[in-house]
Amino acid sequence: MTEISYSATEVKNRFGKVLREAAQYGEPIIVERDGKPVAVIMSIEAYERTQTKTLQPAPQLDELFGMWADRADMDEDWLANGRSRWQSDWSNE
């Protein structure tokens, strides 16, 4: 299916048709203003699919480092320094 897009005026004037297309094809419909995309209309099924693909929160430090999580010297600078050393060694191989 090719991408469907309409101007905002067209959507306003033919909203029922646009809703039927969104439900029928299941693909997002792009709404443009002055030739630029500004919004998307999609079926409820497509919307619900986007809601099930949410990212999980990042693990907390104690989950990542276990017993080392309470060390005062392990801060963002310490992690960045360690990453930069690891990346430079790895990229030179």
N, C-alpha and C. Protein backbone atom coordinates (compact mmCIF):
# COMPACT_ATOMS: atom_id res chain seq x y z
N MET A 1 0.85 -1.19 0.00
CA MET A 1 0.00 0.00 0.00
C MET A 1 0.89 1.24 0.00
N THR A 2 0.57 2.19 -0.84
CA THR A 2 1.33 3.42 -0.89
C THR A 2 0.85 4.36 0.21
N GLU A 3 1.69 5.29 0.53
CA GLU A 3 1.38 6.25 1.58
C GLU A 3 0.22 7.15 1.16
N ILE A 4 -0.72 7.36 2.07
CA ILE A 4 -1.87 8.22 1.79
C ILE A 4 -1.66 9.53 2.52
N SER A 5 -1.82 10.63 1.80
CA SER A 5 -1.73 11.94 2.44
C SER A 5 -2.76 12.88 1.83
N TYR A 6 -3.26 13.76 2.67
CA TYR A 6 -4.24 14.76 2.25
C TYR A 6 -3.88 16.10 2.88
N SER A 7 -4.32 17.15 2.22
CA SER A 7 -4.15 18.48 2.82
C SER A 7 -5.14 18.61 3.98
N ALA A 8 -4.86 19.51 4.89
CA ALA A 8 -5.74 19.74 6.03
C ALA A 8 -7.13 20.17 5.56
N THR A 9 -7.20 20.97 4.51
CA THR A 9 -8.49 21.41 3.99
C THR A 9 -9.29 20.23 3.45
N GLU A 10 -8.59 19.34 2.73
CA GLU A 10 -9.25 18.15 2.19
C GLU A 10 -9.79 17.26 3.32
N VAL A 11 -9.01 17.11 4.37
CA VAL A 11 -9.46 16.30 5.51
C VAL A 11 -10.68 16.95 6.15
N LYS A 12 -10.65 18.26 6.31
CA LYS A 12 -11.79 18.97 6.91
C LYS A 12 -13.05 18.77 6.07
N ASN A 13 -12.91 18.87 4.76
CA ASN A 13 -14.07 18.77 3.89
C ASN A 13 -14.57 17.35 3.67
N ARG A 14 -13.71 16.37 3.88
CA ARG A 14 -14.08 14.97 3.61
C ARG A 14 -13.72 14.06 4.78
N PHE A 15 -13.99 14.51 5.98
CA PHE A 15 -13.55 13.79 7.18
C PHE A 15 -14.11 12.37 7.24
N GLY A 16 -15.37 12.18 6.90
CA GLY A 16 -15.96 10.85 6.91
C GLY A 16 -15.24 9.88 6.00
N LYS A 17 -14.90 10.35 4.79
CA LYS A 17 -14.16 9.52 3.82
C LYS A 17 -12.78 9.16 4.37
N VAL A 18 -12.12 10.13 4.98
CA VAL A 18 -10.78 9.89 5.54
C VAL A 18 -10.85 8.86 6.66
N LEU A 19 -11.85 8.95 7.52
CA LEU A 19 -12.02 7.97 8.59
C LEU A 19 -12.27 6.57 8.04
N ARG A 20 -13.08 6.48 7.01
CA ARG A 20 -13.34 5.17 6.39
C ARG A 20 -12.06 4.58 5.80
N GLU A 21 -11.27 5.40 5.16
CA GLU A 21 -10.00 4.92 4.58
C GLU A 21 -9.05 4.45 5.68
N ALA A 22 -8.98 5.20 6.75
CA ALA A 22 -8.10 4.81 7.86
C ALA A 22 -8.51 3.45 8.41
N ALA A 23 -9.81 3.25 8.58
CA ALA A 23 -10.32 1.98 9.11
C ALA A 23 -10.15 0.85 8.09
N GLN A 24 -10.39 1.13 6.82
CA GLN A 24 -10.35 0.11 5.78
C GLN A 24 -8.94 -0.37 5.51
N TYR A 25 -8.01 0.56 5.33
CA TYR A 25 -6.66 0.18 4.92
C TYR A 25 -5.73 -0.11 6.08
N GLY A 26 -6.03 0.43 7.25
CA GLY A 26 -5.19 0.19 8.42
C GLY A 26 -3.85 0.89 8.38
N GLU A 27 -3.66 1.74 7.41
CA GLU A 27 -2.41 2.49 7.29
C GLU A 27 -2.63 3.92 7.76
N PRO A 28 -1.61 4.55 8.32
CA PRO A 28 -1.75 5.94 8.74
C PRO A 28 -2.00 6.86 7.54
N ILE A 29 -2.80 7.88 7.75
CA ILE A 29 -3.05 8.90 6.74
C ILE A 29 -2.38 10.19 7.22
N ILE A 30 -1.52 10.72 6.40
CA ILE A 30 -0.76 11.91 6.77
C ILE A 30 -1.56 13.14 6.37
N VAL A 31 -1.66 14.09 7.30
CA VAL A 31 -2.34 15.35 7.04
C VAL A 31 -1.27 16.42 6.87
N GLU A 32 -1.36 17.15 5.76
CA GLU A 32 -0.35 18.16 5.45
C GLU A 32 -0.94 19.57 5.51
N ARG A 33 -0.11 20.50 5.91
CA ARG A 33 -0.46 21.91 5.87
C ARG A 33 0.70 22.61 5.16
N ASP A 34 0.38 23.36 4.13
CA ASP A 34 1.40 24.03 3.31
C ASP A 34 2.43 23.02 2.78
N GLY A 35 1.95 21.83 2.43
CA GLY A 35 2.82 20.81 1.84
C GLY A 35 3.71 20.08 2.82
N LYS A 36 3.57 20.36 4.13
CA LYS A 36 4.41 19.71 5.14
C LYS A 36 3.53 18.85 6.04
N PRO A 37 4.00 17.64 6.39
CA PRO A 37 3.21 16.79 7.28
C PRO A 37 3.10 17.41 8.67
N VAL A 38 1.86 17.44 9.21
CA VAL A 38 1.63 18.02 10.53
C VAL A 38 0.89 17.08 11.47
N ALA A 39 0.22 16.06 10.95
CA ALA A 39 -0.55 15.15 11.80
C ALA A 39 -0.74 13.83 11.09
N VAL A 40 -1.21 12.85 11.86
CA VAL A 40 -1.49 11.52 11.33
C VAL A 40 -2.85 11.08 11.84
N ILE A 41 -3.65 10.50 10.95
CA ILE A 41 -4.91 9.87 11.34
C ILE A 41 -4.73 8.39 11.08
N MET A 42 -5.08 7.57 12.09
CA MET A 42 -4.92 6.13 11.94
C MET A 42 -6.09 5.40 12.58
N SER A 43 -6.27 4.16 12.16
CA SER A 43 -7.34 3.34 12.73
C SER A 43 -7.02 3.05 14.20
N ILE A 44 -8.04 2.69 14.94
CA ILE A 44 -7.82 2.35 16.35
C ILE A 44 -6.92 1.12 16.48
N GLU A 45 -7.03 0.18 15.54
CA GLU A 45 -6.17 -1.01 15.58
C GLU A 45 -4.70 -0.63 15.41
N ALA A 46 -4.43 0.27 14.44
CA ALA A 46 -3.05 0.72 14.24
C ALA A 46 -2.54 1.47 15.46
N TYR A 47 -3.39 2.30 16.04
CA TYR A 47 -3.00 3.03 17.25
C TYR A 47 -2.67 2.07 18.39
N GLU A 48 -3.52 1.06 18.59
CA GLU A 48 -3.29 0.10 19.67
C GLU A 48 -2.00 -0.68 19.45
N ARG A 49 -1.65 -0.96 18.21
CA ARG A 49 -0.37 -1.63 17.94
C ARG A 49 0.79 -0.77 18.37
N THR A 50 0.68 0.55 18.21
CA THR A 50 1.78 1.42 18.64
C THR A 50 1.90 1.44 20.15
N GLN A 51 0.79 1.24 20.85
CA GLN A 51 0.82 1.28 22.31
C GLN A 51 1.44 0.04 22.92
N THR A 52 1.46 -1.08 22.22
CA THR A 52 2.05 -2.30 22.77
C THR A 52 3.56 -2.34 22.57
N LYS A 53 4.09 -1.42 21.80
CA LYS A 53 5.52 -1.42 21.52
C LYS A 53 6.25 -0.35 22.31
N THR A 54 5.88 -0.15 23.56
CA THR A 54 6.54 0.85 24.38
C THR A 54 7.85 0.30 24.93
N LEU A 55 8.80 1.16 25.11
CA LEU A 55 10.08 0.76 25.66
C LEU A 55 9.97 0.57 27.16
N GLN A 56 10.70 -0.38 27.65
CA GLN A 56 10.75 -0.61 29.09
C GLN A 56 11.72 0.39 29.71
N PRO A 57 11.47 0.83 30.95
CA PRO A 57 12.40 1.76 31.58
C PRO A 57 13.78 1.12 31.75
N ALA A 58 14.78 1.94 31.73
CA ALA A 58 16.15 1.46 31.89
C ALA A 58 16.32 0.89 33.30
N PRO A 59 17.13 -0.15 33.45
CA PRO A 59 17.36 -0.71 34.77
C PRO A 59 18.04 0.30 35.69
N GLN A 60 17.78 0.20 36.95
CA GLN A 60 18.41 1.06 37.93
C GLN A 60 19.86 0.63 38.14
N LEU A 61 20.67 1.51 38.72
CA LEU A 61 22.08 1.19 38.94
C LEU A 61 22.27 -0.09 39.74
N ASP A 62 21.44 -0.30 40.78
CA ASP A 62 21.62 -1.50 41.59
C ASP A 62 21.37 -2.77 40.79
N GLU A 63 20.48 -2.70 39.78
CA GLU A 63 20.25 -3.86 38.92
C GLU A 63 21.43 -4.08 37.99
N LEU A 64 22.06 -3.00 37.55
CA LEU A 64 23.19 -3.12 36.63
C LEU A 64 24.47 -3.54 37.33
N PHE A 65 24.71 -2.99 38.51
CA PHE A 65 26.01 -3.18 39.15
C PHE A 65 25.95 -4.00 40.43
N GLY A 66 24.77 -4.44 40.84
CA GLY A 66 24.66 -5.29 42.02
C GLY A 66 25.28 -4.64 43.24
N MET A 67 26.22 -5.35 43.87
CA MET A 67 26.81 -4.87 45.12
C MET A 67 27.65 -3.61 44.93
N TRP A 68 28.02 -3.27 43.71
CA TRP A 68 28.83 -2.08 43.48
C TRP A 68 27.98 -0.82 43.31
N ALA A 69 26.68 -0.94 43.31
CA ALA A 69 25.80 0.18 43.01
C ALA A 69 25.92 1.33 44.01
N ASP A 70 26.30 1.04 45.25
CA ASP A 70 26.39 2.09 46.28
C ASP A 70 27.74 2.80 46.30
N ARG A 71 28.64 2.45 45.42
CA ARG A 71 29.95 3.12 45.41
C ARG A 71 29.78 4.57 45.02
N ALA A 72 30.35 5.45 45.82
CA ALA A 72 30.21 6.89 45.59
C ALA A 72 30.97 7.35 44.35
N ASP A 73 32.03 6.62 43.97
CA ASP A 73 32.84 7.06 42.82
C ASP A 73 32.24 6.63 41.49
N MET A 74 31.18 5.83 41.49
CA MET A 74 30.57 5.39 40.24
C MET A 74 29.46 6.36 39.85
N ASP A 75 29.84 7.41 39.13
CA ASP A 75 28.87 8.39 38.67
C ASP A 75 28.92 8.44 37.14
N GLU A 76 28.21 9.38 36.55
CA GLU A 76 28.18 9.47 35.09
C GLU A 76 29.56 9.71 34.49
N ASP A 77 30.39 10.53 35.15
CA ASP A 77 31.75 10.78 34.63
C ASP A 77 32.57 9.50 34.65
N TRP A 78 32.46 8.74 35.73
CA TRP A 78 33.20 7.48 35.84
C TRP A 78 32.78 6.52 34.73
N LEU A 79 31.46 6.42 34.50
CA LEU A 79 30.97 5.54 33.44
C LEU A 79 31.43 6.01 32.06
N ALA A 80 31.36 7.32 31.82
CA ALA A 80 31.78 7.85 30.51
C ALA A 80 33.26 7.60 30.27
N ASN A 81 34.08 7.76 31.31
CA ASN A 81 35.52 7.51 31.19
C ASN A 81 35.77 6.04 30.86
N GLY A 82 35.07 5.16 31.56
CA GLY A 82 35.23 3.73 31.29
C GLY A 82 34.79 3.36 29.88
N ARG A 83 33.69 3.93 29.44
CA ARG A 83 33.20 3.65 28.08
C ARG A 83 34.20 4.12 27.03
N SER A 84 34.76 5.32 27.24
CA SER A 84 35.69 5.86 26.23
C SER A 84 36.94 5.00 26.15
N ARG A 85 37.43 4.47 27.27
CA ARG A 85 38.61 3.60 27.23
C ARG A 85 38.28 2.29 26.53
N TRP A 86 37.11 1.72 26.83
CA TRP A 86 36.71 0.46 26.21
C TRP A 86 36.52 0.64 24.71
N GLN A 87 35.87 1.71 24.30
CA GLN A 87 35.61 1.93 22.89
C GLN A 87 36.90 2.14 22.12
N SER A 88 37.86 2.89 22.69
CA SER A 88 39.10 3.14 21.96
C SER A 88 39.90 1.85 21.82
N ASP A 89 39.93 0.99 22.87
CA ASP A 89 40.66 -0.27 22.77
C ASP A 89 39.99 -1.19 21.75
N TRP A 90 38.67 -1.23 21.77
CA TRP A 90 37.94 -2.11 20.89
C TRP A 90 38.08 -1.68 19.43
N SER A 91 38.06 -0.38 19.17
CA SER A 91 38.11 0.10 17.78
C SER A 91 39.50 -0.03 17.17
N ASN A 92 40.54 -0.22 17.99
CA ASN A 92 41.89 -0.34 17.46
C ASN A 92 42.23 -1.77 17.05
N GLU A 93 41.35 -2.73 17.33
CA GLU A 93 41.64 -4.12 16.96
C GLU A 93 41.41 -4.38 15.51
